[in-house]
Amino acid sequence: MHLFHVAALFIVLSMVGVEFSVSAFVNPIAWQLDPDAQLRLLSPLAAVLGKIMPIWYAAGLVMLGAETWLDRYSPDFTILLAASSIWFLTILATLLFLVPLNNQVIKGTAGWQKAHRTWDRRHRLRIIALAVAATLVTSAVVRF
């Protein structure tokens, strides 16, 4: 069980770290570049992350769901259910509000810079939601 907790935390916390890094480090650097250089940086990055992130998000949801199920009779059940619910809602919001913008950046369509700025603002909200879910699951499985 301990190894499962470690694996779940690794998947969830590393996801939050990557998402935070994009917002805190990659995008500020991108904003300093001219539009052509921005697109050369962001388009392949968005394409690669667009392929990897769905798997990572799904793995996080599966791990959170399993954590919730395994602890369904513990006092931490409500906390884990909240974390799983937030993670699920974040995935849903990503599909509805971020993926279409990401696709515009990948293709470099007209208005891609505006789409990227909108994506960045919405992405910050996603990071907050993911961080809350990660904090909840960490507090539930790490016992001092």
C-alpha atoms as a PDB file:
ATOM      1  CA  MET A   1       0.000   0.000   0.000  1.00  0.00           C
ATOM      2  CA  HIS A   2       2.842   2.366   0.812  1.00  0.00           C
ATOM      3  CA  LEU A   3       4.298   1.961  -2.690  1.00  0.00           C
ATOM      4  CA  PHE A   4       0.888   2.726  -4.206  1.00  0.00           C
ATOM      5  CA  HIS A   5       0.662   5.956  -2.180  1.00  0.00           C
ATOM      6  CA  VAL A   6       4.124   6.949  -3.383  1.00  0.00           C
ATOM      7  CA  ALA A   7       3.204   6.246  -7.018  1.00  0.00           C
ATOM      8  CA  ALA A   8      -0.039   8.225  -6.733  1.00  0.00           C
ATOM      9  CA  LEU A   9       1.732  11.181  -5.164  1.00  0.00           C
ATOM     10  CA  PHE A  10       4.482  11.062  -7.778  1.00  0.00           C
ATOM     11  CA  ILE A  11       1.998  11.189 -10.666  1.00  0.00           C
ATOM     12  CA  VAL A  12      -0.146  13.929  -9.131  1.00  0.00           C
ATOM     13  CA  LEU A  13       2.633  16.122  -7.764  1.00  0.00           C
ATOM     14  CA  SER A  14       4.835  15.881 -10.849  1.00  0.00           C
ATOM     15  CA  MET A  15       1.848  16.887 -12.993  1.00  0.00           C
ATOM     16  CA  VAL A  16       1.330  19.979 -10.874  1.00  0.00           C
ATOM     17  CA  GLY A  17       5.045  20.763 -11.134  1.00  0.00           C
ATOM     18  CA  VAL A  18       5.088  20.515 -14.916  1.00  0.00           C
ATOM     19  CA  GLU A  19       1.970  22.635 -15.288  1.00  0.00           C
ATOM     20  CA  PHE A  20       3.406  25.224 -12.904  1.00  0.00           C
ATOM     21  CA  SER A  21       6.720  25.252 -14.806  1.00  0.00           C
ATOM     22  CA  VAL A  22       4.979  25.996 -18.080  1.00  0.00           C
ATOM     23  CA  SER A  23       3.230  28.981 -16.536  1.00  0.00           C
ATOM     24  CA  ALA A  24       6.067  30.274 -14.377  1.00  0.00           C
ATOM     25  CA  PHE A  25       9.044  29.708 -16.670  1.00  0.00           C
ATOM     26  CA  VAL A  26       8.208  28.788 -20.268  1.00  0.00           C
ATOM     27  CA  ASN A  27       5.502  31.339 -21.001  1.00  0.00           C
ATOM     28  CA  PRO A  28       7.334  34.353 -19.514  1.00  0.00           C
ATOM     29  CA  ILE A  29      10.306  33.515 -21.722  1.00  0.00           C
ATOM     30  CA  ALA A  30       8.038  33.050 -24.732  1.00  0.00           C
ATOM     31  CA  TRP A  31       6.427  36.482 -24.220  1.00  0.00           C
ATOM     32  CA  GLN A  32       9.865  38.085 -24.591  1.00  0.00           C
ATOM     33  CA  LEU A  33      10.395  36.614 -28.071  1.00  0.00           C
ATOM     34  CA  ASP A  34       9.172  38.046 -31.356  1.00  0.00           C
ATOM     35  CA  PRO A  35       5.979  36.390 -32.690  1.00  0.00           C
ATOM     36  CA  ASP A  36       7.769  34.052 -35.138  1.00  0.00           C
ATOM     37  CA  ALA A  37      10.161  32.813 -32.466  1.00  0.00           C
ATOM     38  CA  GLN A  38       7.255  32.421 -30.022  1.00  0.00           C
ATOM     39  CA  LEU A  39       5.430  30.216 -32.476  1.00  0.00           C
ATOM     40  CA  ARG A  40       8.561  28.146 -33.173  1.00  0.00           C
ATOM     41  CA  LEU A  41       8.890  27.560 -29.424  1.00  0.00           C
ATOM     42  CA  LEU A  42       5.264  27.124 -28.446  1.00  0.00           C
ATOM     43  CA  SER A  43       3.877  25.113 -31.351  1.00  0.00           C
ATOM     44  CA  PRO A  44       6.033  21.990 -30.908  1.00  0.00           C
ATOM     45  CA  LEU A  45       5.867  22.284 -27.117  1.00  0.00           C
ATOM     46  CA  ALA A  46       2.072  22.470 -27.237  1.00  0.00           C
ATOM     47  CA  ALA A  47       1.984  19.509 -29.630  1.00  0.00           C
ATOM     48  CA  VAL A  48       4.200  17.321 -27.427  1.00  0.00           C
ATOM     49  CA  LEU A  49       2.438  18.233 -24.196  1.00  0.00           C
ATOM     50  CA  GLY A  50      -0.898  17.819 -25.963  1.00  0.00           C
ATOM     51  CA  LYS A  51      -0.005  14.177 -26.572  1.00  0.00           C
ATOM     52  CA  ILE A  52       1.531  13.404 -23.170  1.00  0.00           C
ATOM     53  CA  MET A  53      -0.790  15.304 -20.840  1.00  0.00           C
ATOM     54  CA  PRO A  54      -4.003  13.356 -21.553  1.00  0.00           C
ATOM     55  CA  ILE A  55      -2.243  10.157 -20.489  1.00  0.00           C
ATOM     56  CA  TRP A  56      -0.790  11.856 -17.431  1.00  0.00           C
ATOM     57  CA  TYR A  57      -4.123  13.399 -16.428  1.00  0.00           C
ATOM     58  CA  ALA A  58      -5.896  10.059 -16.876  1.00  0.00           C
ATOM     59  CA  ALA A  59      -3.231   8.261 -14.841  1.00  0.00           C
ATOM     60  CA  GLY A  60      -3.668  10.848 -12.089  1.00  0.00           C
ATOM     61  CA  LEU A  61      -7.429  10.372 -12.127  1.00  0.00           C
ATOM     62  CA  VAL A  62      -7.100   6.580 -11.992  1.00  0.00           C
ATOM     63  CA  MET A  63      -4.642   6.810  -9.106  1.00  0.00           C
ATOM     64  CA  LEU A  64      -6.819   9.293  -7.220  1.00  0.00           C
ATOM     65  CA  GLY A  65      -9.886   7.154  -7.851  1.00  0.00           C
ATOM     66  CA  ALA A  66      -8.066   4.079  -6.577  1.00  0.00           C
ATOM     67  CA  GLU A  67      -6.827   5.980  -3.511  1.00  0.00           C
ATOM     68  CA  THR A  68     -10.382   7.095  -2.829  1.00  0.00           C
ATOM     69  CA  TRP A  69     -11.775   3.580  -3.265  1.00  0.00           C
ATOM     70  CA  LEU A  70      -9.098   1.956  -1.115  1.00  0.00           C
ATOM     71  CA  ASP A  71      -9.692   4.456   1.689  1.00  0.00           C
ATOM     72  CA  ARG A  72     -13.485   4.484   1.389  1.00  0.00           C
ATOM     73  CA  TYR A  73     -13.910   3.482   5.057  1.00  0.00           C
ATOM     74  CA  SER A  74     -11.245   5.780   6.456  1.00  0.00           C
ATOM     75  CA  PRO A  75     -11.685   9.298   7.832  1.00  0.00           C
ATOM     76  CA  ASP A  76      -9.757  10.540   4.771  1.00  0.00           C
ATOM     77  CA  PHE A  77     -12.418   9.378   2.329  1.00  0.00           C
ATOM     78  CA  THR A  78     -14.078  12.793   2.024  1.00  0.00           C
ATOM     79  CA  ILE A  79     -10.746  14.501   1.424  1.00  0.00           C
ATOM     80  CA  LEU A  80      -9.802  11.974  -1.257  1.00  0.00           C
ATOM     81  CA  LEU A  81     -13.228  12.235  -2.857  1.00  0.00           C
ATOM     82  CA  ALA A  82     -12.814  16.009  -3.026  1.00  0.00           C
ATOM     83  CA  ALA A  83      -9.342  15.639  -4.579  1.00  0.00           C
ATOM     84  CA  SER A  84     -10.637  13.151  -7.156  1.00  0.00           C
ATOM     85  CA  SER A  85     -13.597  15.376  -7.975  1.00  0.00           C
ATOM     86  CA  ILE A  86     -11.414  18.439  -8.445  1.00  0.00           C
ATOM     87  CA  TRP A  87      -9.050  16.431 -10.675  1.00  0.00           C
ATOM     88  CA  PHE A  88     -11.986  15.183 -12.771  1.00  0.00           C
ATOM     89  CA  LEU A  89     -13.482  18.672 -13.113  1.00  0.00           C
ATOM     90  CA  THR A  90     -10.072  20.004 -14.104  1.00  0.00           C
ATOM     91  CA  ILE A  91      -9.872  17.428 -16.890  1.00  0.00           C
ATOM     92  CA  LEU A  92     -13.348  18.404 -18.071  1.00  0.00           C
ATOM     93  CA  ALA A  93     -12.477  22.121 -18.019  1.00  0.00           C
ATOM     94  CA  THR A  94      -9.242  21.386 -19.881  1.00  0.00           C
ATOM     95  CA  LEU A  95     -11.105  19.585 -22.650  1.00  0.00           C
ATOM     96  CA  LEU A  96     -13.710  22.322 -22.959  1.00  0.00           C
ATOM     97  CA  PHE A  97     -11.700  25.496 -22.441  1.00  0.00           C
ATOM     98  CA  LEU A  98      -7.991  24.832 -22.981  1.00  0.00           C
ATOM     99  CA  VAL A  99      -7.591  22.174 -25.668  1.00  0.00           C
ATOM    100  CA  PRO A 100      -9.256  24.260 -28.419  1.00  0.00           C
ATOM    101  CA  LEU A 101      -6.908  27.166 -27.641  1.00  0.00           C
ATOM    102  CA  ASN A 102      -3.907  24.832 -27.524  1.00  0.00           C
ATOM    103  CA  ASN A 103      -4.844  23.523 -30.968  1.00  0.00           C
ATOM    104  CA  GLN A 104      -4.838  27.069 -32.358  1.00  0.00           C
ATOM    105  CA  VAL A 105      -1.313  27.579 -31.058  1.00  0.00           C
ATOM    106  CA  ILE A 106      -0.145  24.252 -32.501  1.00  0.00           C
ATOM    107  CA  LYS A 107      -1.495  25.176 -35.933  1.00  0.00           C
ATOM    108  CA  GLY A 108      -0.377  28.792 -35.748  1.00  0.00           C
ATOM    109  CA  THR A 109      -3.762  29.920 -37.027  1.00  0.00           C
ATOM    110  CA  ALA A 110      -4.720  33.580 -37.222  1.00  0.00           C
ATOM    111  CA  GLY A 111      -5.106  34.916 -33.705  1.00  0.00           C
ATOM    112  CA  TRP A 112      -2.863  32.272 -32.147  1.00  0.00           C
ATOM    113  CA  GLN A 113      -1.181  34.863 -29.882  1.00  0.00           C
ATOM    114  CA  LYS A 114      -4.508  35.973 -28.442  1.00  0.00           C
ATOM    115  CA  ALA A 115      -5.470  32.312 -28.017  1.00  0.00           C
ATOM    116  CA  HIS A 116      -2.212  31.671 -26.181  1.00  0.00           C
ATOM    117  CA  ARG A 117      -2.741  34.592 -23.804  1.00  0.00           C
ATOM    118  CA  THR A 118      -6.261  33.358 -23.061  1.00  0.00           C
ATOM    119  CA  TRP A 119      -4.902  29.837 -22.618  1.00  0.00           C
ATOM    120  CA  ASP A 120      -2.271  31.133 -20.188  1.00  0.00           C
ATOM    121  CA  ARG A 121      -4.846  32.907 -18.003  1.00  0.00           C
ATOM    122  CA  ARG A 122      -7.082  29.841 -17.903  1.00  0.00           C
ATOM    123  CA  HIS A 123      -4.075  27.618 -17.323  1.00  0.00           C
ATOM    124  CA  ARG A 124      -3.284  29.508 -14.116  1.00  0.00           C
ATOM    125  CA  LEU A 125      -6.741  28.637 -12.802  1.00  0.00           C
ATOM    126  CA  ARG A 126      -6.105  25.009 -13.735  1.00  0.00           C
ATOM    127  CA  ILE A 127      -2.846  25.077 -11.773  1.00  0.00           C
ATOM    128  CA  ILE A 128      -4.667  26.337  -8.694  1.00  0.00           C
ATOM    129  CA  ALA A 129      -7.249  23.558  -8.975  1.00  0.00           C
ATOM    130  CA  LEU A 130      -4.565  20.907  -9.485  1.00  0.00           C
ATOM    131  CA  ALA A 131      -2.564  22.261  -6.543  1.00  0.00           C
ATOM    132  CA  VAL A 132      -5.630  22.084  -4.305  1.00  0.00           C
ATOM    133  CA  ALA A 133      -6.278  18.478  -5.375  1.00  0.00           C
ATOM    134  CA  ALA A 134      -2.615  17.597  -4.855  1.00  0.00           C
ATOM    135  CA  THR A 135      -2.594  19.195  -1.415  1.00  0.00           C
ATOM    136  CA  LEU A 136      -5.719  17.285  -0.434  1.00  0.00           C
ATOM    137  CA  VAL A 137      -4.407  13.910  -1.563  1.00  0.00           C
ATOM    138  CA  THR A 138      -1.045  14.569   0.070  1.00  0.00           C
ATOM    139  CA  SER A 139      -2.692  15.458   3.360  1.00  0.00           C
ATOM    140  CA  ALA A 140      -4.763  12.272   3.186  1.00  0.00           C
ATOM    141  CA  VAL A 141      -1.991   9.790   2.402  1.00  0.00           C
ATOM    142  CA  VAL A 142       0.961  11.293   4.274  1.00  0.00           C
ATOM    143  CA  ARG A 143       0.485  10.520   7.914  1.00  0.00           C
ATOM    144  CA  PHE A 144       2.921  11.861  10.460  1.00  0.00           C
END
